[in-house]
C-alpha atoms as a PDB file:
ATOM      1  CA  MET A   1      39.171  22.956 -14.088  1.00  0.00           C
ATOM      2  CA  ASP A   2      36.002  21.522 -15.604  1.00  0.00           C
ATOM      3  CA  GLN A   3      36.404  19.551 -18.816  1.00  0.00           C
ATOM      4  CA  ARG A   4      33.782  19.658 -21.552  1.00  0.00           C
ATOM      5  CA  LEU A   5      32.577  16.108 -22.098  1.00  0.00           C
ATOM      6  CA  LYS A   6      30.661  14.513 -24.930  1.00  0.00           C
ATOM      7  CA  VAL A   7      27.539  13.195 -23.218  1.00  0.00           C
ATOM      8  CA  VAL A   8      24.877  11.194 -25.064  1.00  0.00           C
ATOM      9  CA  LEU A   9      21.420  10.227 -23.803  1.00  0.00           C
ATOM     10  CA  TYR A  10      20.053   6.811 -24.797  1.00  0.00           C
ATOM     11  CA  THR A  11      16.335   6.449 -24.118  1.00  0.00           C
ATOM     12  CA  PHE A  12      12.985   5.603 -25.690  1.00  0.00           C
ATOM     13  CA  GLU A  13      10.062   7.738 -26.760  1.00  0.00           C
ATOM     14  CA  SER A  14       7.466   8.456 -24.070  1.00  0.00           C
ATOM     15  CA  PRO A  15       6.076  11.718 -22.663  1.00  0.00           C
ATOM     16  CA  VAL A  16       8.217  11.420 -19.528  1.00  0.00           C
ATOM     17  CA  THR A  17      11.468  10.393 -21.227  1.00  0.00           C
ATOM     18  CA  LEU A  18      11.118  13.111 -23.864  1.00  0.00           C
ATOM     19  CA  ALA A  19      10.556  15.683 -21.112  1.00  0.00           C
ATOM     20  CA  ILE A  20      13.646  14.419 -19.279  1.00  0.00           C
ATOM     21  CA  ALA A  21      15.661  14.652 -22.487  1.00  0.00           C
ATOM     22  CA  ASP A  22      14.478  18.244 -22.927  1.00  0.00           C
ATOM     23  CA  ARG A  23      15.570  19.115 -19.382  1.00  0.00           C
ATOM     24  CA  LEU A  24      18.997  17.596 -19.926  1.00  0.00           C
ATOM     25  CA  ILE A  25      19.413  19.391 -23.262  1.00  0.00           C
ATOM     26  CA  ALA A  26      18.596  22.687 -21.511  1.00  0.00           C
ATOM     27  CA  THR A  27      21.696  22.273 -19.330  1.00  0.00           C
ATOM     28  CA  GLY A  28      23.907  22.413 -22.414  1.00  0.00           C
ATOM     29  CA  LYS A  29      25.614  19.203 -21.360  1.00  0.00           C
ATOM     30  CA  LEU A  30      24.231  16.821 -23.990  1.00  0.00           C
ATOM     31  CA  SER A  31      25.823  16.279 -27.375  1.00  0.00           C
ATOM     32  CA  ALA A  32      23.194  13.962 -28.860  1.00  0.00           C
ATOM     33  CA  VAL A  33      20.105  11.892 -28.100  1.00  0.00           C
ATOM     34  CA  ILE A  34      19.622   8.306 -29.261  1.00  0.00           C
ATOM     35  CA  LEU A  35      16.011   7.123 -29.267  1.00  0.00           C
ATOM     36  CA  GLN A  36      15.297   3.416 -29.158  1.00  0.00           C
ATOM     37  CA  THR A  37      12.556   2.704 -31.689  1.00  0.00           C
ATOM     38  CA  ARG A  38       9.338   0.988 -30.707  1.00  0.00           C
ATOM     39  CA  MET A  39       9.336  -2.792 -30.571  1.00  0.00           C
ATOM     40  CA  THR A  40       7.889  -4.525 -33.607  1.00  0.00           C
ATOM     41  CA  TRP A  41       5.563  -7.514 -33.317  1.00  0.00           C
ATOM     42  CA  ARG A  42       8.521  -9.701 -34.212  1.00  0.00           C
ATOM     43  CA  ASP A  43      10.537  -8.145 -31.371  1.00  0.00           C
ATOM     44  CA  LYS A  44       7.667  -8.711 -28.952  1.00  0.00           C
ATOM     45  CA  ALA A  45       7.288 -12.340 -30.035  1.00  0.00           C
ATOM     46  CA  ALA A  46      11.020 -12.915 -29.518  1.00  0.00           C
ATOM     47  CA  LEU A  47      10.824 -11.329 -26.070  1.00  0.00           C
ATOM     48  CA  LEU A  48       7.861 -13.529 -25.185  1.00  0.00           C
ATOM     49  CA  ARG A  49       9.777 -16.651 -26.215  1.00  0.00           C
ATOM     50  CA  ARG A  50      12.763 -15.598 -24.094  1.00  0.00           C
ATOM     51  CA  ARG A  51      10.588 -14.965 -21.056  1.00  0.00           C
ATOM     52  CA  LEU A  52       8.800 -18.294 -21.473  1.00  0.00           C
ATOM     53  CA  ALA A  53      12.152 -20.075 -21.626  1.00  0.00           C
ATOM     54  CA  ARG A  54      13.454 -18.264 -18.560  1.00  0.00           C
ATOM     55  CA  TYR A  55      10.421 -18.024 -16.287  1.00  0.00           C
ATOM     56  CA  GLY A  56       7.995 -20.666 -17.522  1.00  0.00           C
ATOM     57  CA  LEU A  57       4.394 -20.525 -18.691  1.00  0.00           C
ATOM     58  CA  PRO A  58       2.623 -19.856 -15.330  1.00  0.00           C
ATOM     59  CA  ARG A  59       4.719 -16.773 -14.553  1.00  0.00           C
ATOM     60  CA  VAL A  60       4.385 -15.295 -18.034  1.00  0.00           C
ATOM     61  CA  VAL A  61       0.613 -15.903 -18.094  1.00  0.00           C
ATOM     62  CA  ASP A  62       0.381 -14.152 -14.712  1.00  0.00           C
ATOM     63  CA  GLU A  63       2.158 -11.118 -16.178  1.00  0.00           C
ATOM     64  CA  ILE A  64      -0.115 -11.080 -19.237  1.00  0.00           C
ATOM     65  CA  LEU A  65      -3.186 -11.274 -17.006  1.00  0.00           C
ATOM     66  CA  PHE A  66      -1.951  -8.234 -15.087  1.00  0.00           C
ATOM     67  CA  LYS A  67      -1.493  -6.288 -18.326  1.00  0.00           C
ATOM     68  CA  ILE A  68      -5.123  -7.035 -19.227  1.00  0.00           C
ATOM     69  CA  PHE A  69      -6.298  -6.178 -15.700  1.00  0.00           C
ATOM     70  CA  TYR A  70      -4.309  -2.943 -15.775  1.00  0.00           C
ATOM     71  CA  THR A  71      -5.820  -1.842 -19.080  1.00  0.00           C
ATOM     72  CA  LEU A  72      -9.375  -2.591 -17.947  1.00  0.00           C
ATOM     73  CA  PHE A  73      -9.330  -1.350 -14.353  1.00  0.00           C
ATOM     74  CA  LEU A  74      -6.232   0.715 -13.503  1.00  0.00           C
ATOM     75  CA  LYS A  75      -5.028   2.690 -16.493  1.00  0.00           C
ATOM     76  CA  ARG A  76      -7.704   5.390 -16.319  1.00  0.00           C
ATOM     77  CA  ALA A  77      -6.880   6.228 -12.686  1.00  0.00           C
ATOM     78  CA  ASP A  78      -3.156   6.226 -13.474  1.00  0.00           C
ATOM     79  CA  ASP A  79      -3.740   8.623 -16.363  1.00  0.00           C
ATOM     80  CA  ARG A  80      -5.522  11.028 -13.993  1.00  0.00           C
ATOM     81  CA  LEU A  81      -2.687  10.852 -11.469  1.00  0.00           C
ATOM     82  CA  ARG A  82      -0.082  11.244 -14.193  1.00  0.00           C
ATOM     83  CA  ARG A  83      -1.567  14.667 -14.936  1.00  0.00           C
ATOM     84  CA  THR A  84      -0.426  15.789 -11.457  1.00  0.00           C
ATOM     85  CA  LEU A  85       3.230  15.195 -12.343  1.00  0.00           C
ATOM     86  CA  ALA A  86       5.154  18.361 -13.177  1.00  0.00           C
ATOM     87  CA  PHE A  87       6.736  17.970 -16.602  1.00  0.00           C
ATOM     88  CA  ASP A  88       6.424  19.494 -20.050  1.00  0.00           C
ATOM     89  CA  ARG A  89       3.962  17.376 -22.020  1.00  0.00           C
ATOM     90  CA  GLY A  90       4.579  19.384 -25.167  1.00  0.00           C
ATOM     91  CA  VAL A  91       8.017  17.915 -25.862  1.00  0.00           C
ATOM     92  CA  THR A  92       8.158  15.945 -29.086  1.00  0.00           C
ATOM     93  CA  LYS A  93      10.875  14.159 -30.997  1.00  0.00           C
ATOM     94  CA  ALA A  94      10.781  16.960 -33.574  1.00  0.00           C
ATOM     95  CA  ARG A  95      11.246  19.571 -30.858  1.00  0.00           C
ATOM     96  CA  LEU A  96      14.314  17.757 -29.553  1.00  0.00           C
ATOM     97  CA  ALA A  97      15.709  17.505 -33.089  1.00  0.00           C
ATOM     98  CA  ARG A  98      15.533  21.293 -33.444  1.00  0.00           C
ATOM     99  CA  GLN A  99      17.878  21.617 -30.470  1.00  0.00           C
ATOM    100  CA  ILE A 100      20.291  18.709 -30.831  1.00  0.00           C
ATOM    101  CA  ASP A 101      21.192  15.748 -33.031  1.00  0.00           C
ATOM    102  CA  VAL A 102      18.613  12.972 -32.546  1.00  0.00           C
ATOM    103  CA  HIS A 103      19.312   9.451 -33.800  1.00  0.00           C
ATOM    104  CA  GLU A 104      16.888   6.518 -33.900  1.00  0.00           C
ATOM    105  CA  ILE A 105      17.943   2.915 -33.622  1.00  0.00           C
ATOM    106  CA  ASP A 106      16.420  -0.383 -32.539  1.00  0.00           C
ATOM    107  CA  SER A 107      19.263  -1.259 -30.155  1.00  0.00           C
ATOM    108  CA  VAL A 108      22.741  -0.028 -29.248  1.00  0.00           C
ATOM    109  CA  ASN A 109      23.745  -3.652 -28.768  1.00  0.00           C
ATOM    110  CA  GLY A 110      23.535  -4.449 -32.467  1.00  0.00           C
ATOM    111  CA  ALA A 111      26.126  -3.708 -35.114  1.00  0.00           C
ATOM    112  CA  SER A 112      24.385  -0.527 -36.293  1.00  0.00           C
ATOM    113  CA  GLY A 113      24.095   0.700 -32.710  1.00  0.00           C
ATOM    114  CA  ARG A 114      27.772   0.138 -32.010  1.00  0.00           C
ATOM    115  CA  ASP A 115      28.662   1.842 -35.289  1.00  0.00           C
ATOM    116  CA  LEU A 116      26.618   4.877 -34.248  1.00  0.00           C
ATOM    117  CA  LEU A 117      28.393   5.051 -30.889  1.00  0.00           C
ATOM    118  CA  LEU A 118      31.711   4.725 -32.688  1.00  0.00           C
ATOM    119  CA  ARG A 119      30.816   7.764 -34.803  1.00  0.00           C
ATOM    120  CA  LEU A 120      29.563   9.784 -31.823  1.00  0.00           C
ATOM    121  CA  GLN A 121      32.533   8.809 -29.598  1.00  0.00           C
ATOM    122  CA  PRO A 122      30.826   9.717 -26.303  1.00  0.00           C
ATOM    123  CA  ASP A 123      32.712  10.174 -23.073  1.00  0.00           C
ATOM    124  CA  LEU A 124      29.608   9.296 -21.072  1.00  0.00           C
ATOM    125  CA  VAL A 125      26.218   7.803 -21.956  1.00  0.00           C
ATOM    126  CA  ILE A 126      23.139   8.376 -19.809  1.00  0.00           C
ATOM    127  CA  MET A 127      20.815   5.423 -20.293  1.00  0.00           C
ATOM    128  CA  MET A 128      17.071   5.241 -19.765  1.00  0.00           C
ATOM    129  CA  SER A 129      16.396   2.420 -22.191  1.00  0.00           C
ATOM    130  CA  ARG A 130      14.329  -0.767 -22.339  1.00  0.00           C
ATOM    131  CA  GLU A 131      17.381  -2.996 -22.655  1.00  0.00           C
ATOM    132  CA  MET A 132      20.569  -3.969 -20.875  1.00  0.00           C
ATOM    133  CA  ILE A 133      23.789  -2.653 -22.342  1.00  0.00           C
ATOM    134  CA  ARG A 134      25.766  -5.724 -23.317  1.00  0.00           C
ATOM    135  CA  GLY A 135      29.207  -6.911 -24.326  1.00  0.00           C
ATOM    136  CA  GLU A 136      31.487  -4.628 -26.225  1.00  0.00           C
ATOM    137  CA  THR A 137      28.863  -1.845 -26.254  1.00  0.00           C
ATOM    138  CA  LEU A 138      29.733  -1.157 -22.610  1.00  0.00           C
ATOM    139  CA  GLY A 139      33.187  -0.074 -23.734  1.00  0.00           C
ATOM    140  CA  ALA A 140      31.906   2.377 -26.352  1.00  0.00           C
ATOM    141  CA  ALA A 141      31.931   5.329 -23.904  1.00  0.00           C
ATOM    142  CA  LYS A 142      35.208   6.325 -22.265  1.00  0.00           C
ATOM    143  CA  LEU A 143      33.664   6.821 -18.823  1.00  0.00           C
ATOM    144  CA  GLY A 144      30.896   4.272 -19.290  1.00  0.00           C
ATOM    145  CA  PHE A 145      27.102   4.182 -19.159  1.00  0.00           C
ATOM    146  CA  VAL A 146      25.254   5.630 -16.165  1.00  0.00           C
ATOM    147  CA  GLY A 147      21.632   4.995 -15.268  1.00  0.00           C
ATOM    148  CA  CYS A 148      19.216   6.390 -12.707  1.00  0.00           C
ATOM    149  CA  HIS A 149      17.263   3.515 -11.174  1.00  0.00           C
ATOM    150  CA  PRO A 150      13.916   4.233  -9.419  1.00  0.00           C
ATOM    151  CA  GLY A 151      14.835   2.196  -6.353  1.00  0.00           C
ATOM    152  CA  LEU A 152      17.667   1.521  -3.951  1.00  0.00           C
ATOM    153  CA  LEU A 153      20.405  -0.767  -5.212  1.00  0.00           C
ATOM    154  CA  PRO A 154      21.305  -3.553  -4.935  1.00  0.00           C
ATOM    155  CA  GLU A 155      18.269  -4.282  -2.744  1.00  0.00           C
ATOM    156  CA  TYR A 156      15.665  -3.705  -5.478  1.00  0.00           C
ATOM    157  CA  ARG A 157      17.141  -4.465  -8.873  1.00  0.00           C
ATOM    158  CA  GLY A 158      15.043  -4.895 -11.993  1.00  0.00           C
ATOM    159  CA  VAL A 159      11.752  -3.400 -13.132  1.00  0.00           C
ATOM    160  CA  TYR A 160       9.212  -1.427 -11.076  1.00  0.00           C
ATOM    161  CA  ALA A 161      11.318  -1.313  -7.924  1.00  0.00           C
ATOM    162  CA  PRO A 162       8.761   0.908  -6.095  1.00  0.00           C
ATOM    163  CA  PHE A 163       6.120  -1.817  -6.433  1.00  0.00           C
ATOM    164  CA  TRP A 164       8.294  -4.521  -4.930  1.00  0.00           C
ATOM    165  CA  ALA A 165       9.478  -2.305  -2.077  1.00  0.00           C
ATOM    166  CA  MET A 166       5.944  -1.228  -1.159  1.00  0.00           C
ATOM    167  CA  ARG A 167       4.618  -4.760  -1.611  1.00  0.00           C
ATOM    168  CA  GLU A 168       7.091  -5.909   1.019  1.00  0.00           C
ATOM    169  CA  GLY A 169       6.075  -3.105   3.383  1.00  0.00           C
ATOM    170  CA  ARG A 170       9.324  -1.193   2.805  1.00  0.00           C
ATOM    171  CA  PRO A 171       8.385   2.289   1.563  1.00  0.00           C
ATOM    172  CA  ASP A 172      11.679   3.418   3.109  1.00  0.00           C
ATOM    173  CA  GLN A 173      13.397   1.494   0.316  1.00  0.00           C
ATOM    174  CA  VAL A 174      11.755   3.572  -2.403  1.00  0.00           C
ATOM    175  CA  GLY A 175      14.305   5.954  -3.843  1.00  0.00           C
ATOM    176  CA  LEU A 176      16.865   6.691  -6.531  1.00  0.00           C
ATOM    177  CA  SER A 177      20.219   5.155  -7.369  1.00  0.00           C
ATOM    178  CA  VAL A 178      22.635   6.463  -9.979  1.00  0.00           C
ATOM    179  CA  TYR A 179      24.971   3.668 -11.008  1.00  0.00           C
ATOM    180  CA  LEU A 180      27.652   2.769 -13.527  1.00  0.00           C
ATOM    181  CA  ALA A 181      26.448  -0.073 -15.742  1.00  0.00           C
ATOM    182  CA  ASN A 182      28.282  -3.366 -15.951  1.00  0.00           C
ATOM    183  CA  ALA A 183      27.386  -6.749 -17.453  1.00  0.00           C
ATOM    184  CA  GLY A 184      24.725  -7.503 -14.810  1.00  0.00           C
ATOM    185  CA  VAL A 185      21.187  -6.212 -14.298  1.00  0.00           C
ATOM    186  CA  ASP A 186      21.514  -3.125 -12.081  1.00  0.00           C
ATOM    187  CA  THR A 187      24.626  -4.608 -10.456  1.00  0.00           C
ATOM    188  CA  GLY A 188      27.119  -1.860 -11.281  1.00  0.00           C
ATOM    189  CA  PRO A 189      28.842   0.304  -8.661  1.00  0.00           C
ATOM    190  CA  LEU A 190      26.875   3.231  -7.292  1.00  0.00           C
ATOM    191  CA  VAL A 191      27.551   6.894  -7.953  1.00  0.00           C
ATOM    192  CA  SER A 192      24.864   8.125  -5.558  1.00  0.00           C
ATOM    193  CA  GLU A 193      21.662   7.012  -3.887  1.00  0.00           C
ATOM    194  CA  ARG A 194      18.920   8.548  -1.782  1.00  0.00           C
ATOM    195  CA  ALA A 195      15.635   7.429  -0.306  1.00  0.00           C
ATOM    196  CA  VAL A 196      12.582   9.301  -1.608  1.00  0.00           C
ATOM    197  CA  ALA A 197       9.289   8.902   0.213  1.00  0.00           C
ATOM    198  CA  PRO A 198       6.623   7.531  -2.161  1.00  0.00           C
ATOM    199  CA  ARG A 199       3.920   9.927  -3.266  1.00  0.00           C
ATOM    200  CA  PHE A 200       1.609   7.274  -4.709  1.00  0.00           C
ATOM    201  CA  ASP A 201       0.669   3.973  -3.111  1.00  0.00           C
ATOM    202  CA  VAL A 202       1.284   0.483  -4.447  1.00  0.00           C
ATOM    203  CA  ARG A 203      -1.821   0.580  -6.665  1.00  0.00           C
ATOM    204  CA  HIS A 204      -0.190   3.283  -8.777  1.00  0.00           C
ATOM    205  CA  PHE A 205       3.363   1.973  -8.912  1.00  0.00           C
ATOM    206  CA  LYS A 206       3.711   2.818 -12.596  1.00  0.00           C
ATOM    207  CA  VAL A 207       3.070   6.512 -11.963  1.00  0.00           C
ATOM    208  CA  GLU A 208       5.359   6.372  -8.929  1.00  0.00           C
ATOM    209  CA  SER A 209       8.135   4.972 -11.140  1.00  0.00           C
ATOM    210  CA  GLU A 210       7.680   7.810 -13.619  1.00  0.00           C
ATOM    211  CA  ARG A 211       7.696  10.366 -10.799  1.00  0.00           C
ATOM    212  CA  LEU A 212      11.006   8.982  -9.588  1.00  0.00           C
ATOM    213  CA  MET A 213      12.479   9.150 -13.094  1.00  0.00           C
ATOM    214  CA  LEU A 214      11.610  12.854 -13.187  1.00  0.00           C
ATOM    215  CA  GLU A 215      12.919  13.304  -9.643  1.00  0.00           C
ATOM    216  CA  GLY A 216      16.238  11.822 -10.716  1.00  0.00           C
ATOM    217  CA  VAL A 217      17.109  14.484 -13.310  1.00  0.00           C
ATOM    218  CA  PRO A 218      19.132  16.614 -10.818  1.00  0.00           C
ATOM    219  CA  ASP A 219      21.010  13.459  -9.762  1.00  0.00           C
ATOM    220  CA  LEU A 220      21.979  12.799 -13.377  1.00  0.00           C
ATOM    221  CA  ILE A 221      23.071  16.393 -13.905  1.00  0.00           C
ATOM    222  CA  ASP A 222      25.169  16.202 -10.739  1.00  0.00           C
ATOM    223  CA  THR A 223      26.781  13.007 -12.064  1.00  0.00           C
ATOM    224  CA  VAL A 224      27.717  14.697 -15.341  1.00  0.00           C
ATOM    225  CA  GLU A 225      29.158  17.668 -13.452  1.00  0.00           C
ATOM    226  CA  LYS A 226      31.283  15.351 -11.315  1.00  0.00           C
ATOM    227  CA  ALA A 227      32.559  13.691 -14.471  1.00  0.00           C
ATOM    228  CA  GLU A 228      33.415  17.103 -15.914  1.00  0.00           C
ATOM    229  CA  ARG A 229      35.383  17.969 -12.772  1.00  0.00           C
ATOM    230  CA  GLY A 230      37.118  14.605 -12.800  1.00  0.00           C
ATOM    231  CA  THR A 231      35.632  13.708  -9.413  1.00  0.00           C
ATOM    232  CA  LEU A 232      33.240  10.963 -10.496  1.00  0.00           C
ATOM    233  CA  ALA A 233      33.651   8.181  -7.931  1.00  0.00           C
ATOM    234  CA  THR A 234      31.716   5.007  -7.198  1.00  0.00           C
ATOM    235  CA  PHE A 235      31.022   2.839  -4.189  1.00  0.00           C
ATOM    236  CA  THR A 236      29.432  -0.516  -3.424  1.00  0.00           C
ATOM    237  CA  LYS A 237      27.340  -1.977  -0.600  1.00  0.00           C
ATOM    238  CA  PRO A 238      28.898  -5.445  -0.286  1.00  0.00           C
ATOM    239  CA  HIS A 239      26.781  -6.487   2.702  1.00  0.00           C
ATOM    240  CA  ALA A 240      23.420  -5.316   1.332  1.00  0.00           C
ATOM    241  CA  PRO A 241      20.979  -7.971   0.118  1.00  0.00           C
ATOM    242  CA  SER A 242      20.739  -8.136  -3.656  1.00  0.00           C
ATOM    243  CA  ARG A 243      17.629  -9.387  -5.408  1.00  0.00           C
ATOM    244  CA  LEU A 244      16.474  -9.137  -9.004  1.00  0.00           C
ATOM    245  CA  TYR A 245      12.770  -8.456  -9.500  1.00  0.00           C
ATOM    246  CA  SER A 246      10.873  -9.003 -12.728  1.00  0.00           C
ATOM    247  CA  HIS A 247       7.583  -7.782 -14.181  1.00  0.00           C
ATOM    248  CA  VAL A 248       4.476  -7.602 -12.024  1.00  0.00           C
ATOM    249  CA  GLY A 249       1.963 -10.421 -12.315  1.00  0.00           C
ATOM    250  CA  LEU A 250      -1.703 -10.325 -11.377  1.00  0.00           C
ATOM    251  CA  THR A 251      -1.129 -12.515  -8.315  1.00  0.00           C
ATOM    252  CA  HIS A 252       1.673 -10.163  -7.169  1.00  0.00           C
ATOM    253  CA  TYR A 253      -0.582  -7.138  -7.551  1.00  0.00           C
ATOM    254  CA  LEU A 254      -3.593  -8.635  -5.780  1.00  0.00           C
ATOM    255  CA  GLY A 255      -1.336  -9.937  -3.029  1.00  0.00           C
ATOM    256  CA  ALA A 256       0.107  -6.461  -2.555  1.00  0.00           C
ATOM    257  CA  LEU A 257      -3.397  -5.021  -2.202  1.00  0.00           C
ATOM    258  CA  ARG A 258      -4.270  -7.619   0.440  1.00  0.00           C
ATOM    259  CA  ARG A 259      -1.090  -6.846   2.384  1.00  0.00           C
ATOM    260  CA  ALA A 260      -1.738  -3.116   2.207  1.00  0.00           C
ATOM    261  CA  ALA A 261      -5.339  -3.583   3.404  1.00  0.00           C
ATOM    262  CA  ALA A 262      -4.184  -5.738   6.331  1.00  0.00           C
ATOM    263  CA  GLN A 263      -1.522  -3.315   7.566  1.00  0.00           C
ATOM    264  CA  PRO A 264      -3.784  -1.023   9.661  1.00  0.00           C
ATOM    265  CA  ALA A 265      -5.292  -4.054  11.415  1.00  0.00           C
ATOM    266  CA  ASN A 266      -1.817  -5.225  12.413  1.00  0.00           C
ATOM    267  CA  ARG A 267      -0.832  -1.999  14.176  1.00  0.00           C
END
């Protein structure tokens, strides 16, 4: 017999994530939505300092150069392609709030975030956030936190998995993985995974990532239904290579274009 669970969605505010939230609300399976507020300049400065300490100046400068390059030369084309994605662009935060309780918070990892989870007492949290779930927050949901990663795990952990897979000439490794979060970055046990052939090439990896997020909604619903039936199970791939990928730099992007251009000549 299916058991009614208290399921909470933790995400941030963007056209795609709001549309996904609306789809999940329509199933009647969500109890609340938590929206992570936009980063302040102070937050961004702290993030920059952390990345400089971890990756060094050359890598971080490379990433900043790509952001500038993207804004000047790629964003307009991505915006045109994004219009081909099938999702409701009319969803707003206010519209969600008319259907379900919506909470806003800067992070679930802080004291106020943990207090909110303590009040909500979720059985399961679906996460599509900009942060890792850390420490005692992981224990705030009885069944845990599940995420839908736009790539196969553990082979392509981290951000923009479709880019790294296509850059390495592995479009067969583009796909979706639903996993149970643990203390690592995309290292938790898998609930399900499937390869999904890319629709957009490596130049438009950001749109491809958003497409995969939308594609993963049925996988998330299926995960919730398994939890309701008490049949939610996980598995691991102990012999699969595991690599953590970070943000795309300009040299990574230009290198990917050169590889893609050389592929026909190598056949």
